[in-house]
Amino acid sequence: MTPLIRAAAPADADAIARVHVQSWRETYRGLIPDDLLDGMTDSAALERRRAMWSALVARPDPVQVAIEGGQVVAFASGGAPQDHPGYDAELHTLYSLRAAQGQGTGRALLRGVAGALRAGGARNLALWVLDSNPTRDWYVRQGAREAGEKQDGALREVRMVWDDLDMLAD
């Protein structure tokens, strides 16, 4: 079953927060220290994510969700770059439940957010990805290239970029 991709609505904020926290548990266990991950995925973190997504979904920046069986199973968001000099836009998030992976959902969300950013005038796109995250290779398969790195405490991140958003946007 191919998930339905659509713009997020305010009513999706709670589901997005749950997918956000659950996907961190599924993806980052073993990649980042357990105590750090546990603090990022406990009940207090879920409440913070709910508040965050309630605010973000109400903003004009693109947030898209993938719906399968009536449930949000993945989401992506983008907007102005926060830490990418020389780039017009940033992919802020792209998270999927493990059960929804391998169906083209991530690619559809990435292209949808990229298209919305392109329609808003962005010409290129960047994001930070944990260096040990297997999705790093997935971004390369989507046309991104590595363009620098940073150290954030114990975590090393790699900047992935698309220099021409036209190649990515639908």
Protein backbone atom coordinates (compact mmCIF):
# COMPACT_ATOMS: atom_id res chain seq x y z
CA MET A 1 0.00 0.00 0.00
CA THR A 2 1.40 3.38 -1.00
CA PRO A 3 0.89 6.05 1.66
CA LEU A 4 -1.02 9.23 0.85
CA ILE A 5 1.27 12.30 0.97
CA ARG A 6 -0.38 15.60 1.91
CA ALA A 7 0.25 18.90 3.65
CA ALA A 8 0.08 18.59 7.42
CA ALA A 9 -2.92 20.05 9.21
CA PRO A 10 -3.06 21.35 12.79
CA ALA A 11 -4.90 18.17 13.79
CA ASP A 12 -1.79 16.16 12.74
CA ALA A 13 0.53 17.73 15.34
CA ASP A 14 0.02 15.00 17.95
CA ALA A 15 0.58 12.19 15.44
CA ILE A 16 3.68 13.92 14.02
CA ALA A 17 5.10 14.22 17.55
CA ARG A 18 4.51 10.50 18.18
CA VAL A 19 6.16 9.51 14.90
CA HIS A 20 9.04 11.89 15.65
CA VAL A 21 9.78 10.28 19.03
CA GLN A 22 9.16 6.68 17.89
CA SER A 23 11.35 7.07 14.79
CA TRP A 24 14.19 8.37 16.99
CA ARG A 25 13.87 5.26 19.17
CA GLU A 26 13.91 3.01 16.11
CA THR A 27 16.68 4.81 14.24
CA TYR A 28 19.16 6.16 16.76
CA ARG A 29 19.45 3.37 19.36
CA GLY A 30 23.08 2.30 19.16
CA LEU A 31 24.06 5.35 17.11
CA ILE A 32 23.97 7.91 19.93
CA PRO A 33 24.51 7.40 23.67
CA ASP A 34 21.51 5.71 25.32
CA ASP A 35 21.16 8.34 28.04
CA LEU A 36 20.98 11.10 25.43
CA LEU A 37 18.43 9.17 23.36
CA ASP A 38 16.35 8.31 26.42
CA GLY A 39 16.14 12.01 27.31
CA MET A 40 15.08 12.79 23.74
CA THR A 41 12.32 10.19 23.70
CA ASP A 42 10.77 10.16 27.18
CA SER A 43 7.24 11.38 28.00
CA ALA A 44 8.49 14.94 28.65
CA ALA A 45 10.14 14.94 25.22
CA LEU A 46 6.89 13.78 23.64
CA GLU A 47 5.05 16.70 25.25
CA ARG A 48 7.72 19.12 24.00
CA ARG A 49 7.40 17.69 20.50
CA ARG A 50 3.60 18.05 20.61
CA ALA A 51 3.94 21.74 21.48
CA MET A 52 6.64 22.23 18.87
CA TRP A 53 4.65 20.58 16.07
CA SER A 54 1.46 22.43 17.00
CA ALA A 55 3.36 25.67 16.43
CA LEU A 56 5.24 24.51 13.30
CA VAL A 57 2.20 23.15 11.49
CA ALA A 58 0.52 26.55 11.91
CA ARG A 59 3.41 28.32 10.14
CA PRO A 60 3.68 28.75 6.36
CA ASP A 61 6.80 26.57 6.03
CA PRO A 62 6.07 23.24 4.34
CA VAL A 63 5.26 20.27 6.56
CA GLN A 64 4.03 17.14 4.84
CA VAL A 65 2.77 13.86 6.24
CA ALA A 66 2.45 10.34 4.89
CA ILE A 67 -0.82 8.63 5.82
CA GLU A 68 -1.25 4.87 5.76
CA GLY A 69 -4.27 3.09 7.16
CA GLY A 70 -5.57 6.42 8.43
CA GLN A 71 -2.41 7.02 10.52
CA VAL A 72 0.58 9.32 10.11
CA VAL A 73 3.57 7.04 9.46
CA ALA A 74 6.14 9.62 8.30
CA PHE A 75 6.63 13.35 7.91
CA ALA A 76 9.01 15.96 6.55
CA SER A 77 9.47 19.69 6.95
CA GLY A 78 11.60 22.42 5.48
CA GLY A 79 12.16 26.13 5.52
CA ALA A 80 14.78 28.81 5.90
CA PRO A 81 18.29 27.50 6.56
CA GLN A 82 19.32 27.62 10.21
CA ASP A 83 23.00 26.81 9.84
CA HIS A 84 23.84 26.54 6.14
CA PRO A 85 25.50 29.70 4.76
CA GLY A 86 25.06 29.98 1.00
CA TYR A 87 21.97 27.76 0.86
CA ASP A 88 18.43 29.00 0.33
CA ALA A 89 16.56 26.29 2.23
CA GLU A 90 16.98 23.49 4.74
CA LEU A 91 15.29 20.14 5.09
CA HIS A 92 14.55 20.41 8.80
CA THR A 93 13.07 16.95 9.33
CA LEU A 94 12.36 13.71 7.52
CA TYR A 95 11.30 10.87 9.81
CA SER A 96 9.51 7.62 9.14
CA LEU A 97 8.41 4.73 11.25
CA ARG A 98 10.48 1.66 10.42
CA ALA A 99 7.35 -0.19 9.25
CA ALA A 100 6.75 2.49 6.59
CA GLN A 101 10.27 2.45 5.16
CA GLY A 102 11.19 0.96 1.80
CA GLN A 103 7.94 1.99 0.11
CA GLY A 104 9.06 5.26 -1.49
CA THR A 105 7.50 7.29 1.30
CA GLY A 106 10.68 9.18 2.20
CA ARG A 107 11.40 9.98 -1.43
CA ALA A 108 7.85 11.28 -1.93
CA LEU A 109 8.06 13.45 1.20
CA LEU A 110 11.51 14.78 0.26
CA ARG A 111 10.33 15.69 -3.24
CA GLY A 112 7.12 17.23 -1.92
CA VAL A 113 8.88 19.48 0.58
CA ALA A 114 11.56 20.34 -2.00
CA GLY A 115 8.83 21.28 -4.49
CA ALA A 116 7.15 23.55 -1.97
CA LEU A 117 10.48 25.20 -1.12
CA ARG A 118 11.25 25.62 -4.84
CA ALA A 119 7.84 27.20 -5.39
CA GLY A 120 8.78 29.66 -2.65
CA GLY A 121 11.94 30.67 -4.51
CA ALA A 122 14.60 28.36 -3.07
CA ARG A 123 17.24 27.23 -5.55
CA ASN A 124 19.18 24.80 -3.36
CA LEU A 125 18.77 22.75 -0.19
CA ALA A 126 20.88 21.52 2.73
CA LEU A 127 20.49 19.43 5.88
CA TRP A 128 22.54 17.99 8.70
CA VAL A 129 22.61 14.22 9.14
CA LEU A 130 24.32 12.22 11.87
CA ASP A 131 27.49 10.76 10.32
CA SER A 132 26.66 7.22 11.50
CA ASN A 133 23.03 7.36 10.34
CA PRO A 134 22.38 4.88 7.50
CA THR A 135 20.09 7.46 5.84
CA ARG A 136 23.22 9.37 4.91
CA ASP A 137 23.68 6.94 2.01
CA TRP A 138 19.97 7.26 1.18
CA TYR A 139 20.37 11.03 0.74
CA VAL A 140 23.28 10.39 -1.65
CA ARG A 141 21.01 8.09 -3.68
CA GLN A 142 18.52 10.98 -3.82
CA GLY A 143 21.17 13.19 -5.44
CA ALA A 144 22.72 14.92 -2.41
CA ARG A 145 26.43 15.36 -1.88
CA GLU A 146 28.45 15.88 1.29
CA ALA A 147 29.55 19.46 1.93
CA GLY A 148 31.17 19.77 5.32
CA GLU A 149 30.73 18.55 8.86
CA LYS A 150 30.33 19.76 12.42
CA GLN A 151 30.82 18.34 15.88
CA ASP A 152 27.97 18.85 18.36
CA GLY A 153 29.19 17.45 21.67
CA ALA A 154 29.68 13.71 21.17
CA LEU A 155 27.82 13.76 17.85
CA ARG A 156 29.37 14.35 14.45
CA GLU A 157 27.07 15.57 11.68
CA VAL A 158 27.59 15.82 7.94
CA ARG A 159 26.03 18.51 5.76
CA MET A 160 24.21 17.04 2.76
CA VAL A 161 23.28 19.41 -0.08
CA TRP A 162 21.47 19.64 -3.37
CA ASP A 163 23.02 22.50 -5.34
CA ASP A 164 20.12 22.60 -7.81
CA LEU A 165 16.70 22.08 -6.27
CA ASP A 166 15.15 21.63 -9.72
CA MET A 167 16.68 18.14 -9.88
CA LEU A 168 14.85 17.13 -6.71
CA ALA A 169 11.56 19.01 -6.75
CA ASP A 170 8.55 17.44 -8.45
